[in-house]
Amino acid sequence: MKNWKKGIALVVAAGLLTIAGAATALAASKTRLDTVSDLYWGDDGTTANWEKVDDAYQYEVRLYCNESQVESIKTKKDSFDMEKKMTKEGDYTFKVRALAKSNSKEFTDGYWSEESEETYVSEDFADMIKNGGSTSQLQNGGPGKKEDGQATEEKEASVVIQAKWIQEAGTGRWWYQNADGSYPKGGWWQDPANGTWYFFDDQGYMQTGWIDWNGNRYYCTASGAMAVGEYTIDGAQYRFDASGALQQ
């Protein structure tokens, strides 16, 4: 009986070895995809680019900041915009490897590439990205400004910021941020979204109530909108012309 059990065990073990050997032979028979080469940052300073690899199904990309891994993504393209991942100051690099289909009988994954050259992200740029901003164009190869003691490499970002009304925390006062990051102040300003006129003080805060301006009197409602036409204010009736000036 013992010899019979021992014989069964030997047969099973032999079968497992055969299967393992076949799997090893199959893996050895697959062609490893080429190692990705020609890594570079695009003109925007945030888009990782590389040379396509023949027969690659997709690519795995690892992003590093100051030599620590930040993100690992997969893409079927030969580029990937890393902008939204660049949320802290530092030197960024990336590396890539070509991936085969998981069930491919012909190819296996390629080796990791060498790391790319560095692109520097300034603290201001990183904060802008964290706060929902983005870039439309970067000059001189990267987003930010880096000083190394001997020379300063300028990498100025043209930033696209969403134009919007902003209420200041703590004071409740409103101001408006233009798409270029500036803000109206010291006079009248027309909202491009709806054509409504508003008045801002010299610090850029929207005003409400009576406004004396260039010899005329105006009124801004509780929402800040300039009054036009007939309005009842504190129980009294007033009329404002098309320019918003109070009619006597």
Protein backbone atom coordinates (compact mmCIF):
# COMPACT_ATOMS: atom_id res chain seq x y z
CA MET A 1 0.00 0.00 0.00
CA LYS A 2 2.81 2.43 0.88
CA ASN A 3 4.61 1.71 -2.40
CA TRP A 4 1.35 2.36 -4.30
CA LYS A 5 0.93 5.77 -2.63
CA LYS A 6 4.57 6.58 -3.23
CA GLY A 7 4.15 5.74 -6.90
CA ILE A 8 1.15 8.08 -7.22
CA ALA A 9 3.13 10.90 -5.56
CA LEU A 10 6.00 10.41 -7.98
CA VAL A 11 3.66 10.54 -10.96
CA VAL A 12 2.04 13.76 -9.71
CA ALA A 13 5.43 15.33 -9.03
CA ALA A 14 6.64 14.37 -12.47
CA GLY A 15 3.52 15.91 -13.99
CA LEU A 16 4.06 19.16 -12.14
CA LEU A 17 7.66 19.28 -13.25
CA THR A 18 6.56 18.70 -16.81
CA ILE A 19 4.05 21.54 -16.63
CA ALA A 20 6.62 23.86 -15.05
CA GLY A 21 9.14 22.92 -17.68
CA ALA A 22 6.63 23.60 -20.43
CA ALA A 23 5.80 27.01 -18.94
CA THR A 24 9.49 27.87 -18.71
CA ALA A 25 10.06 26.77 -22.26
CA LEU A 26 7.08 28.82 -23.43
CA ALA A 27 8.37 31.92 -21.63
CA ALA A 28 11.82 31.37 -23.09
CA SER A 29 10.34 31.11 -26.55
CA LYS A 30 8.68 34.56 -26.30
CA THR A 31 10.43 37.59 -27.72
CA ARG A 32 11.12 40.37 -25.24
CA LEU A 33 9.95 43.76 -26.44
CA ASP A 34 12.65 46.34 -27.11
CA THR A 35 13.69 48.70 -24.34
CA VAL A 36 12.12 52.13 -24.76
CA SER A 37 14.56 54.83 -25.86
CA ASP A 38 14.71 58.54 -26.80
CA LEU A 39 12.94 59.85 -23.70
CA TYR A 40 12.42 63.61 -23.61
CA TRP A 41 10.19 66.32 -22.14
CA GLY A 42 8.02 68.21 -24.63
CA ASP A 43 8.21 71.95 -25.23
CA ASP A 44 5.54 72.45 -22.56
CA GLY A 45 7.90 71.01 -19.96
CA THR A 46 5.30 68.60 -18.60
CA THR A 47 4.61 66.07 -21.38
CA ALA A 48 6.72 62.91 -21.29
CA ASN A 49 7.61 61.58 -24.75
CA TRP A 50 9.40 58.48 -25.98
CA GLU A 51 10.11 56.41 -29.09
CA LYS A 52 7.47 53.86 -30.07
CA VAL A 53 8.35 50.21 -29.68
CA ASP A 54 7.28 47.75 -32.35
CA ASP A 55 4.61 45.26 -31.20
CA ALA A 56 4.10 47.00 -27.84
CA TYR A 57 0.50 46.75 -26.64
CA GLN A 58 0.87 49.65 -24.18
CA TYR A 59 3.45 51.41 -22.01
CA GLU A 60 3.97 51.75 -18.28
CA VAL A 61 5.34 55.12 -17.21
CA ARG A 62 6.78 56.00 -13.81
CA LEU A 63 7.15 59.61 -12.76
CA TYR A 64 9.74 60.63 -10.15
CA CYS A 65 10.25 63.83 -8.18
CA ASN A 66 13.60 64.31 -6.46
CA GLU A 67 14.24 60.58 -7.10
CA SER A 68 11.08 59.43 -5.30
CA GLN A 69 8.31 57.78 -7.31
CA VAL A 70 5.23 59.97 -7.67
CA GLU A 71 2.97 58.03 -10.03
CA SER A 72 2.78 54.96 -12.25
CA ILE A 73 0.41 55.07 -15.21
CA LYS A 74 -0.32 53.00 -18.30
CA THR A 75 -1.05 54.39 -21.75
CA LYS A 76 -1.22 53.14 -25.32
CA LYS A 77 0.25 56.39 -26.64
CA ASP A 78 3.92 57.33 -26.92
CA SER A 79 3.46 60.41 -24.71
CA PHE A 80 1.68 61.43 -21.53
CA ASP A 81 1.07 64.87 -20.02
CA MET A 82 2.27 64.72 -16.41
CA GLU A 83 1.14 68.26 -15.53
CA LYS A 84 -1.61 67.24 -13.08
CA LYS A 85 0.88 65.00 -11.24
CA MET A 86 3.39 67.80 -10.67
CA THR A 87 2.00 69.15 -7.42
CA LYS A 88 5.21 69.76 -5.50
CA GLU A 89 8.44 71.62 -6.18
CA GLY A 90 11.40 69.64 -7.46
CA ASP A 91 13.26 67.95 -10.31
CA TYR A 92 11.06 65.53 -12.26
CA THR A 93 12.16 62.56 -14.35
CA PHE A 94 10.37 59.57 -15.85
CA LYS A 95 11.11 56.15 -17.24
CA VAL A 96 9.09 53.81 -19.44
CA ARG A 97 8.80 50.18 -20.41
CA ALA A 98 6.90 48.53 -23.25
CA LEU A 99 4.21 46.04 -22.25
CA ALA A 100 2.91 43.06 -24.18
CA LYS A 101 -0.66 41.81 -24.05
CA SER A 102 -1.19 39.74 -20.91
CA ASN A 103 -2.14 36.69 -23.00
CA SER A 104 0.43 37.17 -25.72
CA LYS A 105 2.05 33.93 -26.89
CA GLU A 106 4.69 35.79 -28.86
CA PHE A 107 5.96 38.71 -26.76
CA THR A 108 6.89 39.50 -23.18
CA ASP A 109 7.33 42.86 -21.44
CA GLY A 110 10.39 44.94 -22.20
CA TYR A 111 12.97 46.15 -19.67
CA TRP A 112 12.67 49.55 -17.98
CA SER A 113 14.33 52.40 -19.84
CA GLU A 114 16.93 54.72 -18.42
CA GLU A 115 15.51 57.78 -16.66
CA SER A 116 14.82 60.87 -18.70
CA GLU A 117 16.53 64.20 -18.24
CA GLU A 118 15.16 66.44 -15.49
CA THR A 119 12.50 69.11 -15.78
CA TYR A 120 12.21 71.51 -12.89
CA VAL A 121 8.90 72.52 -11.31
CA SER A 122 8.88 75.62 -9.11
CA GLU A 123 6.88 75.93 -5.91
CA ASP A 124 4.61 78.55 -7.50
CA PHE A 125 3.91 76.31 -10.47
CA ALA A 126 3.19 73.31 -8.25
CA ASP A 127 0.80 75.35 -6.09
CA MET A 128 -0.96 76.58 -9.22
CA ILE A 129 -1.48 72.99 -10.40
CA LYS A 130 -2.76 71.94 -6.95
CA ASN A 131 -5.27 74.78 -7.08
CA GLY A 132 -6.71 73.67 -10.42
CA GLY A 133 -4.65 75.82 -12.81
CA SER A 134 -2.99 74.59 -16.01
CA THR A 135 -0.48 75.71 -18.63
CA SER A 136 -1.05 76.60 -22.26
CA GLN A 137 2.56 77.21 -23.23
CA LEU A 138 5.93 76.95 -21.54
CA GLN A 139 9.04 78.66 -22.78
CA ASN A 140 12.67 77.48 -22.53
CA GLY A 141 11.81 73.92 -21.65
CA GLY A 142 10.10 73.87 -18.29
CA PRO A 143 7.65 75.22 -15.74
CA GLY A 144 9.28 77.49 -13.23
CA LYS A 145 12.48 79.18 -12.26
CA LYS A 146 15.49 77.51 -10.71
CA GLU A 147 18.54 79.13 -9.21
CA ASP A 148 21.73 77.08 -8.81
CA GLY A 149 23.99 79.75 -7.29
CA GLN A 150 25.96 80.44 -10.46
CA ALA A 151 23.25 80.81 -13.06
CA THR A 152 19.52 81.17 -13.18
CA GLU A 153 17.59 79.17 -15.73
CA GLU A 154 14.34 80.89 -16.66
CA LYS A 155 11.41 78.63 -17.42
CA GLU A 156 8.42 80.93 -17.55
CA ALA A 157 4.92 79.44 -17.69
CA SER A 158 2.06 81.13 -19.45
CA VAL A 159 -0.69 80.13 -17.05
CA VAL A 160 -4.31 79.58 -17.97
CA ILE A 161 -6.42 80.43 -14.93
CA GLN A 162 -10.17 80.13 -14.85
CA ALA A 163 -11.82 83.58 -14.77
CA LYS A 164 -14.19 83.62 -11.81
CA TRP A 165 -15.69 85.47 -8.88
CA ILE A 166 -13.94 84.78 -5.59
CA GLN A 167 -15.26 85.47 -2.09
CA GLU A 168 -12.48 86.23 0.36
CA ALA A 169 -12.48 83.93 3.37
CA GLY A 170 -13.02 85.71 6.66
CA THR A 171 -14.27 89.02 5.23
CA GLY A 172 -16.92 87.78 2.83
CA ARG A 173 -15.86 90.44 0.32
CA TRP A 174 -15.97 89.63 -3.38
CA TRP A 175 -13.38 90.22 -6.09
CA TYR A 176 -12.98 88.97 -9.65
CA GLN A 177 -10.05 87.04 -11.06
CA ASN A 178 -9.40 87.48 -14.78
CA ALA A 179 -8.13 84.65 -16.97
CA ASP A 180 -4.62 86.16 -16.90
CA GLY A 181 -4.58 86.29 -13.08
CA SER A 182 -5.18 90.06 -12.87
CA TYR A 183 -8.23 91.65 -11.25
CA PRO A 184 -10.28 94.81 -11.85
CA LYS A 185 -9.83 97.66 -9.38
CA GLY A 186 -10.36 101.39 -8.97
CA GLY A 187 -13.43 101.81 -11.16
CA TRP A 188 -16.15 100.23 -13.23
CA TRP A 189 -15.82 96.82 -14.84
CA GLN A 190 -18.22 94.89 -17.09
CA ASP A 191 -18.63 91.15 -16.51
CA PRO A 192 -17.99 89.46 -19.89
CA ALA A 193 -20.32 86.62 -18.94
CA ASN A 194 -23.51 88.71 -18.67
CA GLY A 195 -22.64 92.33 -19.50
CA THR A 196 -23.43 93.58 -15.99
CA TRP A 197 -21.40 96.49 -14.63
CA TYR A 198 -19.73 96.40 -11.20
CA PHE A 199 -17.64 98.87 -9.25
CA PHE A 200 -14.37 97.89 -7.54
CA ASP A 201 -12.39 99.93 -5.04
CA ASP A 202 -8.66 100.57 -5.30
CA GLN A 203 -7.92 97.26 -3.58
CA GLY A 204 -10.06 95.29 -6.01
CA TYR A 205 -13.10 94.59 -3.82
CA MET A 206 -16.59 94.80 -5.31
CA GLN A 207 -18.69 97.64 -3.89
CA THR A 208 -22.39 97.89 -3.10
CA GLY A 209 -24.62 100.85 -2.29
CA TRP A 210 -24.16 104.45 -3.47
CA ILE A 211 -21.17 105.22 -5.69
CA ASP A 212 -20.02 108.78 -6.48
CA TRP A 213 -17.98 108.73 -9.68
CA ASN A 214 -16.85 111.50 -12.06
CA GLY A 215 -19.53 113.92 -10.95
CA ASN A 216 -22.39 111.43 -11.15
CA ARG A 217 -24.07 109.21 -8.60
CA TYR A 218 -24.68 105.52 -9.13
CA TYR A 219 -26.12 102.67 -7.10
CA CYS A 220 -24.94 99.06 -6.89
CA THR A 221 -27.39 96.49 -5.60
CA ALA A 222 -26.67 93.92 -2.88
CA SER A 223 -25.32 91.61 -5.60
CA GLY A 224 -23.00 94.39 -6.79
CA ALA A 225 -24.83 94.97 -10.09
CA MET A 226 -25.12 98.58 -11.23
CA ALA A 227 -28.71 99.83 -11.08
CA VAL A 228 -30.33 100.86 -14.37
CA GLY A 229 -33.94 102.10 -14.68
CA GLU A 230 -36.28 102.60 -11.73
CA TYR A 231 -35.31 101.32 -8.28
CA THR A 232 -36.79 101.64 -4.81
CA ILE A 233 -33.98 102.21 -2.30
CA ASP A 234 -34.75 102.56 1.42
CA GLY A 235 -38.39 103.28 0.57
CA ALA A 236 -37.62 106.04 -1.94
CA GLN A 237 -38.04 105.83 -5.71
CA TYR A 238 -35.04 106.60 -7.94
CA ARG A 239 -34.40 106.51 -11.66
CA PHE A 240 -31.08 105.73 -13.32
CA ASP A 241 -30.31 106.22 -17.01
CA ALA A 242 -28.83 103.60 -19.35
CA SER A 243 -25.32 104.48 -18.17
CA GLY A 244 -26.35 103.96 -14.53
CA ALA A 245 -26.18 107.65 -13.59
CA LEU A 246 -28.85 108.91 -11.16
CA GLN A 247 -31.41 111.21 -12.80
CA GLN A 248 -32.32 114.35 -10.84
